[in-house]
Amino acid sequence: MTAKVISICNLKGGVGKTTIVMALAEYLAGDTMYGKRVLVIDLDPQCNLTNILMSEDVWFSQFERNKLTLPYLFKQPKDFLSHIKNEDFIAKQDISNIKAKFQSLHLIPSSPMLFEIQEELPEGFYYNLGLKPIDLLKEVINSLSKKYDYVLIDCPPTINKTIKSAFLASNFCILPCTPNRMSIGGLRLILRHIKKFNNENGHNLTSLGTLISRFNVSRANENQLVELIMTSSEFPSIFRTKIAERAQLAKNLDFGEKLTYKQKYGDLYDSLKDFAQEVIQRVK
């Protein structure tokens, strides 16, 4: 059995995407939850996901200083694809500040260097490798896919070669959207780019659905926009679960003291568990 590869994306920032990726990974992998084998790939040069899933000291001393973060994988893909160093790029110990046992929860960490390196990627093929940058994540994941049940890719709010590489590597995408006009605009744009990408590359990146996130039910305008998203035929089907806006959660995102799921996610505990179950059902 090979992994289900899911990109989480929207072309509007601030939709709660990184928090959703983190929570989905922790819920899928936790032995008291769903006990799946999960690999997370942080494709965002802002490194928010890396910062909340692993210690900064470990990130620097074991990965960034040794050029084993994701931008260097794109810069020198032969180091990974030769199978000499492929395991070295994967953080396997002490991922997450959840106090739980994981079947496996692993991370390919990012680095701010991705801002620079993604601009330097070749227009054509990597020298002597026979691969374009767009092919890279698919090759990377293919070499690992039998070791995992799920691969989750946290995509930044932009379109470039690295994001297209994520599209090509992925079977599915999840589209978080907050109920505001700008986020809905970002959703429309990402859907347009995915359709264009599929047509140009003979690919079939399929949406698992639109996830309403950072939703405040007490705001009348947000309820109206949720209704718009739910009733419009231009958007993929809406997940039953909606993720509420919770400022308290932000206090528990720093990597540090170990927390239970309920301590970390508070009153989002049940909705995030339901969301993970919906994802499992939709990828079958």
C-alpha atoms as a PDB file:
ATOM      1  CA  MET A   1       0.000   0.000   0.000  1.00  0.00           C
ATOM      2  CA  THR A   2       1.345   3.421  -0.955  1.00  0.00           C
ATOM      3  CA  ALA A   3       0.737   6.710   0.818  1.00  0.00           C
ATOM      4  CA  LYS A   4      -2.150   9.055   0.057  1.00  0.00           C
ATOM      5  CA  VAL A   5      -0.502  12.391  -0.780  1.00  0.00           C
ATOM      6  CA  ILE A   6      -2.470  15.510   0.169  1.00  0.00           C
ATOM      7  CA  SER A   7      -1.522  19.151  -0.432  1.00  0.00           C
ATOM      8  CA  ILE A   8      -3.159  21.782   1.763  1.00  0.00           C
ATOM      9  CA  CYS A   9      -3.337  25.083  -0.073  1.00  0.00           C
ATOM     10  CA  ASN A  10      -5.018  28.440  -0.680  1.00  0.00           C
ATOM     11  CA  LEU A  11      -3.607  31.510  -2.421  1.00  0.00           C
ATOM     12  CA  LYS A  12      -4.669  33.695   0.501  1.00  0.00           C
ATOM     13  CA  GLY A  13      -2.561  33.588   3.644  1.00  0.00           C
ATOM     14  CA  GLY A  14      -4.024  33.634   7.138  1.00  0.00           C
ATOM     15  CA  VAL A  15      -6.581  30.887   6.535  1.00  0.00           C
ATOM     16  CA  GLY A  16      -5.228  28.641   9.300  1.00  0.00           C
ATOM     17  CA  LYS A  17      -3.546  26.301   6.816  1.00  0.00           C
ATOM     18  CA  THR A  18      -0.445  25.490   8.856  1.00  0.00           C
ATOM     19  CA  THR A  19      -2.461  24.842  12.025  1.00  0.00           C
ATOM     20  CA  ILE A  20      -4.744  22.531  10.044  1.00  0.00           C
ATOM     21  CA  VAL A  21      -1.788  20.578   8.638  1.00  0.00           C
ATOM     22  CA  MET A  22      -0.269  20.249  12.110  1.00  0.00           C
ATOM     23  CA  ALA A  23      -3.508  19.102  13.717  1.00  0.00           C
ATOM     24  CA  LEU A  24      -4.349  16.687  10.907  1.00  0.00           C
ATOM     25  CA  ALA A  25      -0.877  15.135  11.146  1.00  0.00           C
ATOM     26  CA  GLU A  26      -1.053  14.810  14.940  1.00  0.00           C
ATOM     27  CA  TYR A  27      -4.549  13.327  14.907  1.00  0.00           C
ATOM     28  CA  LEU A  28      -3.867  10.900  12.058  1.00  0.00           C
ATOM     29  CA  ALA A  29      -0.622   9.647  13.628  1.00  0.00           C
ATOM     30  CA  GLY A  30      -1.610   9.492  17.306  1.00  0.00           C
ATOM     31  CA  ASP A  31      -2.031   6.001  18.725  1.00  0.00           C
ATOM     32  CA  THR A  32      -5.078   7.099  20.740  1.00  0.00           C
ATOM     33  CA  MET A  33      -6.576   8.614  17.571  1.00  0.00           C
ATOM     34  CA  TYR A  34      -6.089   6.881  14.210  1.00  0.00           C
ATOM     35  CA  GLY A  35      -2.598   5.370  14.447  1.00  0.00           C
ATOM     36  CA  LYS A  36      -1.504   6.162  10.888  1.00  0.00           C
ATOM     37  CA  ARG A  37       2.037   6.583   9.542  1.00  0.00           C
ATOM     38  CA  VAL A  38       2.391  10.226   8.525  1.00  0.00           C
ATOM     39  CA  LEU A  39       5.095  12.234   6.764  1.00  0.00           C
ATOM     40  CA  VAL A  40       4.718  16.022   6.753  1.00  0.00           C
ATOM     41  CA  ILE A  41       6.538  18.198   4.207  1.00  0.00           C
ATOM     42  CA  ASP A  42       6.909  21.909   4.994  1.00  0.00           C
ATOM     43  CA  LEU A  43       6.989  23.625   1.605  1.00  0.00           C
ATOM     44  CA  ASP A  44       6.609  27.127   3.007  1.00  0.00           C
ATOM     45  CA  PRO A  45       9.832  29.179   3.360  1.00  0.00           C
ATOM     46  CA  GLN A  46       8.247  30.978   6.314  1.00  0.00           C
ATOM     47  CA  CYS A  47       8.801  27.658   8.168  1.00  0.00           C
ATOM     48  CA  ASN A  48       5.820  28.056  10.509  1.00  0.00           C
ATOM     49  CA  LEU A  49       5.036  24.343  10.452  1.00  0.00           C
ATOM     50  CA  THR A  50       8.655  23.382  11.071  1.00  0.00           C
ATOM     51  CA  ASN A  51       8.813  25.836  13.953  1.00  0.00           C
ATOM     52  CA  ILE A  52       5.779  24.353  15.736  1.00  0.00           C
ATOM     53  CA  LEU A  53       6.608  20.686  15.119  1.00  0.00           C
ATOM     54  CA  MET A  54      10.260  20.584  16.150  1.00  0.00           C
ATOM     55  CA  SER A  55      12.783  22.257  18.410  1.00  0.00           C
ATOM     56  CA  GLU A  56      14.616  25.184  16.844  1.00  0.00           C
ATOM     57  CA  ASP A  57      17.904  23.916  18.318  1.00  0.00           C
ATOM     58  CA  VAL A  58      17.441  20.487  16.735  1.00  0.00           C
ATOM     59  CA  TRP A  59      16.369  22.099  13.453  1.00  0.00           C
ATOM     60  CA  PHE A  60      19.554  24.148  13.300  1.00  0.00           C
ATOM     61  CA  SER A  61      22.138  21.708  14.663  1.00  0.00           C
ATOM     62  CA  GLN A  62      20.955  18.554  12.887  1.00  0.00           C
ATOM     63  CA  PHE A  63      19.304  19.824   9.699  1.00  0.00           C
ATOM     64  CA  GLU A  64      19.897  23.417   8.607  1.00  0.00           C
ATOM     65  CA  ARG A  65      23.603  23.529   9.496  1.00  0.00           C
ATOM     66  CA  ASN A  66      24.116  20.248   7.609  1.00  0.00           C
ATOM     67  CA  LYS A  67      22.068  21.439   4.602  1.00  0.00           C
ATOM     68  CA  LEU A  68      19.431  18.758   5.149  1.00  0.00           C
ATOM     69  CA  THR A  69      16.333  20.959   4.998  1.00  0.00           C
ATOM     70  CA  LEU A  70      13.922  21.035   2.072  1.00  0.00           C
ATOM     71  CA  PRO A  71      15.516  23.870   0.042  1.00  0.00           C
ATOM     72  CA  TYR A  72      18.766  21.916  -0.181  1.00  0.00           C
ATOM     73  CA  LEU A  73      16.806  18.885  -1.332  1.00  0.00           C
ATOM     74  CA  PHE A  74      15.603  21.024  -4.252  1.00  0.00           C
ATOM     75  CA  LYS A  75      19.071  22.479  -4.810  1.00  0.00           C
ATOM     76  CA  GLN A  76      20.928  19.136  -4.775  1.00  0.00           C
ATOM     77  CA  PRO A  77      18.264  16.470  -5.380  1.00  0.00           C
ATOM     78  CA  LYS A  78      20.850  13.842  -6.268  1.00  0.00           C
ATOM     79  CA  ASP A  79      21.800  13.639  -2.564  1.00  0.00           C
ATOM     80  CA  PHE A  80      18.304  12.427  -1.780  1.00  0.00           C
ATOM     81  CA  LEU A  81      17.459  10.409  -4.864  1.00  0.00           C
ATOM     82  CA  SER A  82      20.737   8.489  -4.754  1.00  0.00           C
ATOM     83  CA  HIS A  83      19.413   6.935  -1.505  1.00  0.00           C
ATOM     84  CA  ILE A  84      22.688   7.813   0.171  1.00  0.00           C
ATOM     85  CA  LYS A  85      21.186  10.593   2.269  1.00  0.00           C
ATOM     86  CA  ASN A  86      17.442  10.299   1.791  1.00  0.00           C
ATOM     87  CA  GLU A  87      16.712   9.340   5.388  1.00  0.00           C
ATOM     88  CA  ASP A  88      18.914  12.177   6.644  1.00  0.00           C
ATOM     89  CA  PHE A  89      16.434  14.790   5.371  1.00  0.00           C
ATOM     90  CA  ILE A  90      13.642  13.349   7.524  1.00  0.00           C
ATOM     91  CA  ALA A  91      13.201  14.382  11.160  1.00  0.00           C
ATOM     92  CA  LYS A  92      11.889  11.363  13.069  1.00  0.00           C
ATOM     93  CA  GLN A  93      12.424  12.104  16.752  1.00  0.00           C
ATOM     94  CA  ASP A  94      10.417  14.395  19.045  1.00  0.00           C
ATOM     95  CA  ILE A  95       8.148  15.736  16.319  1.00  0.00           C
ATOM     96  CA  SER A  96       5.172  17.622  17.861  1.00  0.00           C
ATOM     97  CA  ASN A  97       4.575  18.804  21.413  1.00  0.00           C
ATOM     98  CA  ILE A  98       1.655  16.396  21.823  1.00  0.00           C
ATOM     99  CA  LYS A  99       2.070  14.009  24.752  1.00  0.00           C
ATOM    100  CA  ALA A 100       1.218  10.827  22.837  1.00  0.00           C
ATOM    101  CA  LYS A 101       2.762   7.826  21.146  1.00  0.00           C
ATOM    102  CA  PHE A 102       2.766   7.952  17.362  1.00  0.00           C
ATOM    103  CA  GLN A 103       2.763   5.080  14.898  1.00  0.00           C
ATOM    104  CA  SER A 104       5.123   7.416  13.099  1.00  0.00           C
ATOM    105  CA  LEU A 105       5.056  11.180  12.684  1.00  0.00           C
ATOM    106  CA  HIS A 106       7.951  12.410  10.559  1.00  0.00           C
ATOM    107  CA  LEU A 107       8.835  15.764   9.032  1.00  0.00           C
ATOM    108  CA  ILE A 108      10.906  17.075   6.151  1.00  0.00           C
ATOM    109  CA  PRO A 109      11.678  20.516   7.644  1.00  0.00           C
ATOM    110  CA  SER A 110      11.901  23.733   5.700  1.00  0.00           C
ATOM    111  CA  SER A 111      14.232  26.726   5.908  1.00  0.00           C
ATOM    112  CA  PRO A 112      14.069  30.429   4.958  1.00  0.00           C
ATOM    113  CA  MET A 113      16.729  29.533   2.362  1.00  0.00           C
ATOM    114  CA  LEU A 114      13.836  28.234   0.252  1.00  0.00           C
ATOM    115  CA  PHE A 115      12.993  31.869  -0.578  1.00  0.00           C
ATOM    116  CA  GLU A 116      16.338  32.135  -2.378  1.00  0.00           C
ATOM    117  CA  ILE A 117      16.779  28.625  -3.738  1.00  0.00           C
ATOM    118  CA  GLN A 118      13.342  28.419  -5.366  1.00  0.00           C
ATOM    119  CA  GLU A 119      14.322  31.405  -7.514  1.00  0.00           C
ATOM    120  CA  GLU A 120      17.479  29.603  -8.656  1.00  0.00           C
ATOM    121  CA  LEU A 121      15.856  26.362  -9.833  1.00  0.00           C
ATOM    122  CA  PRO A 122      16.661  25.448 -13.439  1.00  0.00           C
ATOM    123  CA  GLU A 123      14.190  26.251 -16.203  1.00  0.00           C
ATOM    124  CA  GLY A 124      14.764  22.842 -17.765  1.00  0.00           C
ATOM    125  CA  PHE A 125      16.307  19.690 -16.376  1.00  0.00           C
ATOM    126  CA  TYR A 126      18.654  19.254 -13.444  1.00  0.00           C
ATOM    127  CA  TYR A 127      22.127  18.578 -14.808  1.00  0.00           C
ATOM    128  CA  ASN A 128      22.659  14.842 -15.418  1.00  0.00           C
ATOM    129  CA  LEU A 129      19.489  13.926 -13.525  1.00  0.00           C
ATOM    130  CA  GLY A 130      16.797  13.826 -16.214  1.00  0.00           C
ATOM    131  CA  LEU A 131      14.293  15.567 -13.937  1.00  0.00           C
ATOM    132  CA  LYS A 132      12.702  18.998 -13.967  1.00  0.00           C
ATOM    133  CA  PRO A 133      12.051  20.796 -10.648  1.00  0.00           C
ATOM    134  CA  ILE A 134       8.347  20.034 -11.080  1.00  0.00           C
ATOM    135  CA  ASP A 135       9.118  16.296 -10.981  1.00  0.00           C
ATOM    136  CA  LEU A 136      11.162  16.366  -7.798  1.00  0.00           C
ATOM    137  CA  LEU A 137       8.647  15.928  -4.972  1.00  0.00           C
ATOM    138  CA  LYS A 138       6.933  13.123  -6.871  1.00  0.00           C
ATOM    139  CA  GLU A 139      10.251  11.272  -7.120  1.00  0.00           C
ATOM    140  CA  VAL A 140      11.033  11.951  -3.470  1.00  0.00           C
ATOM    141  CA  ILE A 141       7.650  10.708  -2.283  1.00  0.00           C
ATOM    142  CA  ASN A 142       7.681   7.688  -4.591  1.00  0.00           C
ATOM    143  CA  SER A 143      10.885   6.561  -2.924  1.00  0.00           C
ATOM    144  CA  LEU A 144       9.222   6.774   0.509  1.00  0.00           C
ATOM    145  CA  SER A 145       5.537   6.129  -0.096  1.00  0.00           C
ATOM    146  CA  LYS A 146       5.437   2.511   1.098  1.00  0.00           C
ATOM    147  CA  LYS A 147       6.628   3.650   4.526  1.00  0.00           C
ATOM    148  CA  TYR A 148       3.644   5.948   5.131  1.00  0.00           C
ATOM    149  CA  ASP A 149      -0.131   5.974   5.020  1.00  0.00           C
ATOM    150  CA  TYR A 150      -0.334   9.729   4.444  1.00  0.00           C
ATOM    151  CA  VAL A 151       1.974  12.441   3.162  1.00  0.00           C
ATOM    152  CA  LEU A 152       0.773  15.969   3.981  1.00  0.00           C
ATOM    153  CA  ILE A 153       2.285  18.948   2.148  1.00  0.00           C
ATOM    154  CA  ASP A 154       1.928  22.438   3.636  1.00  0.00           C
ATOM    155  CA  CYS A 155       1.931  24.789   0.633  1.00  0.00           C
ATOM    156  CA  PRO A 156       2.592  28.549   0.817  1.00  0.00           C
ATOM    157  CA  PRO A 157       0.125  31.041  -0.715  1.00  0.00           C
ATOM    158  CA  THR A 158       1.870  31.377  -4.064  1.00  0.00           C
ATOM    159  CA  ILE A 159       2.372  29.623  -7.403  1.00  0.00           C
ATOM    160  CA  ASN A 160       5.916  28.692  -8.414  1.00  0.00           C
ATOM    161  CA  LYS A 161       7.956  25.618  -9.379  1.00  0.00           C
ATOM    162  CA  THR A 162       8.018  24.150  -5.890  1.00  0.00           C
ATOM    163  CA  ILE A 163       4.230  24.402  -5.529  1.00  0.00           C
ATOM    164  CA  LYS A 164       3.737  22.838  -8.943  1.00  0.00           C
ATOM    165  CA  SER A 165       6.017  20.044  -7.782  1.00  0.00           C
ATOM    166  CA  ALA A 166       3.630  19.514  -4.853  1.00  0.00           C
ATOM    167  CA  PHE A 167       0.647  19.487  -7.219  1.00  0.00           C
ATOM    168  CA  LEU A 168       2.252  16.807  -9.390  1.00  0.00           C
ATOM    169  CA  ALA A 169       3.171  14.687  -6.365  1.00  0.00           C
ATOM    170  CA  SER A 170      -0.294  14.878  -4.803  1.00  0.00           C
ATOM    171  CA  ASN A 171      -3.378  12.726  -5.266  1.00  0.00           C
ATOM    172  CA  PHE A 172      -5.600  15.152  -3.388  1.00  0.00           C
ATOM    173  CA  CYS A 173      -5.779  18.673  -2.020  1.00  0.00           C
ATOM    174  CA  ILE A 174      -7.632  20.261   0.891  1.00  0.00           C
ATOM    175  CA  LEU A 175      -8.641  23.899   0.491  1.00  0.00           C
ATOM    176  CA  PRO A 176      -8.992  25.834   3.769  1.00  0.00           C
ATOM    177  CA  CYS A 177     -11.038  29.006   3.426  1.00  0.00           C
ATOM    178  CA  THR A 178     -11.996  31.583   6.021  1.00  0.00           C
ATOM    179  CA  PRO A 179     -15.390  33.239   5.488  1.00  0.00           C
ATOM    180  CA  ASN A 180     -14.163  36.536   4.071  1.00  0.00           C
ATOM    181  CA  ARG A 181     -14.052  37.906   0.526  1.00  0.00           C
ATOM    182  CA  MET A 182     -10.269  37.831   0.148  1.00  0.00           C
ATOM    183  CA  SER A 183     -10.000  34.198   1.242  1.00  0.00           C
ATOM    184  CA  ILE A 184     -12.814  33.248  -1.143  1.00  0.00           C
ATOM    185  CA  GLY A 185     -10.910  35.067  -3.884  1.00  0.00           C
ATOM    186  CA  GLY A 186      -7.812  33.026  -3.029  1.00  0.00           C
ATOM    187  CA  LEU A 187      -9.912  29.863  -3.204  1.00  0.00           C
ATOM    188  CA  ARG A 188     -11.178  30.766  -6.670  1.00  0.00           C
ATOM    189  CA  LEU A 189      -7.607  31.448  -7.834  1.00  0.00           C
ATOM    190  CA  ILE A 190      -6.152  28.180  -6.527  1.00  0.00           C
ATOM    191  CA  LEU A 191      -8.972  26.206  -8.151  1.00  0.00           C
ATOM    192  CA  ARG A 192      -8.261  27.952 -11.461  1.00  0.00           C
ATOM    193  CA  HIS A 193      -4.537  27.165 -11.203  1.00  0.00           C
ATOM    194  CA  ILE A 194      -5.170  23.521 -10.280  1.00  0.00           C
ATOM    195  CA  LYS A 195      -7.481  23.092 -13.274  1.00  0.00           C
ATOM    196  CA  LYS A 196      -4.902  24.685 -15.566  1.00  0.00           C
ATOM    197  CA  PHE A 197      -2.115  22.567 -14.063  1.00  0.00           C
ATOM    198  CA  ASN A 198      -4.074  19.344 -14.528  1.00  0.00           C
ATOM    199  CA  ASN A 199      -4.788  20.194 -18.164  1.00  0.00           C
ATOM    200  CA  GLU A 200      -1.189  21.118 -18.953  1.00  0.00           C
ATOM    201  CA  ASN A 201       0.354  18.113 -17.220  1.00  0.00           C
ATOM    202  CA  GLY A 202      -2.174  15.344 -17.787  1.00  0.00           C
ATOM    203  CA  HIS A 203      -2.596  15.117 -14.033  1.00  0.00           C
ATOM    204  CA  ASN A 204      -5.663  14.568 -11.851  1.00  0.00           C
ATOM    205  CA  LEU A 205      -5.138  16.479  -8.623  1.00  0.00           C
ATOM    206  CA  THR A 206      -8.533  16.038  -6.961  1.00  0.00           C
ATOM    207  CA  SER A 207      -9.999  18.258  -4.262  1.00  0.00           C
ATOM    208  CA  LEU A 208     -11.109  16.451  -1.103  1.00  0.00           C
ATOM    209  CA  GLY A 209     -13.171  19.515  -0.311  1.00  0.00           C
ATOM    210  CA  THR A 210     -13.293  23.039   1.053  1.00  0.00           C
ATOM    211  CA  LEU A 211     -12.664  23.390   4.781  1.00  0.00           C
ATOM    212  CA  ILE A 212     -14.270  26.375   6.498  1.00  0.00           C
ATOM    213  CA  SER A 213     -11.664  27.570   8.996  1.00  0.00           C
ATOM    214  CA  ARG A 214     -11.277  30.391  11.515  1.00  0.00           C
ATOM    215  CA  PHE A 215     -15.062  30.702  11.510  1.00  0.00           C
ATOM    216  CA  ASN A 216     -16.871  32.896  14.059  1.00  0.00           C
ATOM    217  CA  VAL A 217     -20.526  31.896  14.093  1.00  0.00           C
ATOM    218  CA  SER A 218     -21.505  35.068  15.984  1.00  0.00           C
ATOM    219  CA  ARG A 219     -20.614  37.277  12.995  1.00  0.00           C
ATOM    220  CA  ALA A 220     -23.582  37.623  10.640  1.00  0.00           C
ATOM    221  CA  ASN A 221     -21.458  38.451   7.581  1.00  0.00           C
ATOM    222  CA  GLU A 222     -19.391  35.293   8.081  1.00  0.00           C
ATOM    223  CA  ASN A 223     -22.532  33.160   8.210  1.00  0.00           C
ATOM    224  CA  GLN A 224     -23.659  34.722   4.945  1.00  0.00           C
ATOM    225  CA  LEU A 225     -20.324  33.950   3.284  1.00  0.00           C
ATOM    226  CA  VAL A 226     -20.354  30.362   4.579  1.00  0.00           C
ATOM    227  CA  GLU A 227     -23.772  29.994   2.956  1.00  0.00           C
ATOM    228  CA  LEU A 228     -22.318  31.384  -0.281  1.00  0.00           C
ATOM    229  CA  ILE A 229     -19.485  28.852  -0.272  1.00  0.00           C
ATOM    230  CA  MET A 230     -21.810  25.981   0.582  1.00  0.00           C
ATOM    231  CA  THR A 231     -24.387  26.743  -2.107  1.00  0.00           C
ATOM    232  CA  SER A 232     -22.120  27.816  -4.969  1.00  0.00           C
ATOM    233  CA  SER A 233     -21.361  25.171  -7.590  1.00  0.00           C
ATOM    234  CA  GLU A 234     -17.938  26.717  -8.284  1.00  0.00           C
ATOM    235  CA  PHE A 235     -16.461  25.409  -5.016  1.00  0.00           C
ATOM    236  CA  PRO A 236     -15.682  21.776  -4.083  1.00  0.00           C
ATOM    237  CA  SER A 237     -17.927  20.099  -1.524  1.00  0.00           C
ATOM    238  CA  ILE A 238     -17.667  21.486   1.993  1.00  0.00           C
ATOM    239  CA  PHE A 239     -16.364  19.353   4.860  1.00  0.00           C
ATOM    240  CA  ARG A 240     -19.104  18.819   7.447  1.00  0.00           C
ATOM    241  CA  THR A 241     -16.633  19.935  10.101  1.00  0.00           C
ATOM    242  CA  LYS A 242     -15.952  23.667  10.440  1.00  0.00           C
ATOM    243  CA  ILE A 243     -12.912  24.881  12.382  1.00  0.00           C
ATOM    244  CA  ALA A 244     -13.785  27.747  14.713  1.00  0.00           C
ATOM    245  CA  GLU A 245     -11.558  30.738  15.361  1.00  0.00           C
ATOM    246  CA  ARG A 246      -9.782  30.273  18.668  1.00  0.00           C
ATOM    247  CA  ALA A 247      -7.133  32.746  19.890  1.00  0.00           C
ATOM    248  CA  GLN A 248      -6.380  30.480  22.867  1.00  0.00           C
ATOM    249  CA  LEU A 249      -4.931  27.819  20.559  1.00  0.00           C
ATOM    250  CA  ALA A 250      -2.121  30.146  19.464  1.00  0.00           C
ATOM    251  CA  LYS A 251      -0.667  30.030  22.994  1.00  0.00           C
ATOM    252  CA  ASN A 252      -0.156  26.273  22.681  1.00  0.00           C
ATOM    253  CA  LEU A 253       1.589  26.207  19.299  1.00  0.00           C
ATOM    254  CA  ASP A 254       5.163  26.867  20.429  1.00  0.00           C
ATOM    255  CA  PHE A 255       7.310  23.759  20.579  1.00  0.00           C
ATOM    256  CA  GLY A 256       8.036  23.146  24.222  1.00  0.00           C
ATOM    257  CA  GLU A 257       6.179  21.554  27.108  1.00  0.00           C
ATOM    258  CA  LYS A 258       4.362  18.350  26.156  1.00  0.00           C
ATOM    259  CA  LEU A 259       0.560  18.652  26.060  1.00  0.00           C
ATOM    260  CA  THR A 260      -2.382  16.307  25.693  1.00  0.00           C
ATOM    261  CA  TYR A 261      -4.639  16.769  22.681  1.00  0.00           C
ATOM    262  CA  LYS A 262      -7.275  18.403  24.887  1.00  0.00           C
ATOM    263  CA  GLN A 263      -4.739  20.746  26.476  1.00  0.00           C
ATOM    264  CA  LYS A 264      -3.409  21.816  23.097  1.00  0.00           C
ATOM    265  CA  TYR A 265      -6.637  22.062  21.113  1.00  0.00           C
ATOM    266  CA  GLY A 266      -9.176  22.818  23.838  1.00  0.00           C
ATOM    267  CA  ASP A 267     -12.702  23.074  22.480  1.00  0.00           C
ATOM    268  CA  LEU A 268     -11.411  22.348  18.973  1.00  0.00           C
ATOM    269  CA  TYR A 269     -10.531  18.825  20.132  1.00  0.00           C
ATOM    270  CA  ASP A 270     -13.704  17.140  18.870  1.00  0.00           C
ATOM    271  CA  SER A 271     -14.017  19.089  15.622  1.00  0.00           C
ATOM    272  CA  LEU A 272     -10.424  18.348  14.636  1.00  0.00           C
ATOM    273  CA  LYS A 273     -10.912  14.675  15.427  1.00  0.00           C
ATOM    274  CA  ASP A 274     -14.041  14.678  13.250  1.00  0.00           C
ATOM    275  CA  PHE A 275     -12.152  16.451  10.469  1.00  0.00           C
ATOM    276  CA  ALA A 276      -9.401  13.804  10.506  1.00  0.00           C
ATOM    277  CA  GLN A 277     -12.065  11.113  10.258  1.00  0.00           C
ATOM    278  CA  GLU A 278     -13.672  12.907   7.299  1.00  0.00           C
ATOM    279  CA  VAL A 279     -10.301  13.023   5.533  1.00  0.00           C
ATOM    280  CA  ILE A 280      -9.827   9.278   6.041  1.00  0.00           C
ATOM    281  CA  GLN A 281     -13.292   8.628   4.631  1.00  0.00           C
ATOM    282  CA  ARG A 282     -12.860  10.912   1.622  1.00  0.00           C
ATOM    283  CA  VAL A 283      -9.552   9.448   0.434  1.00  0.00           C
ATOM    284  CA  LYS A 284     -10.867   5.876   0.305  1.00  0.00           C
END
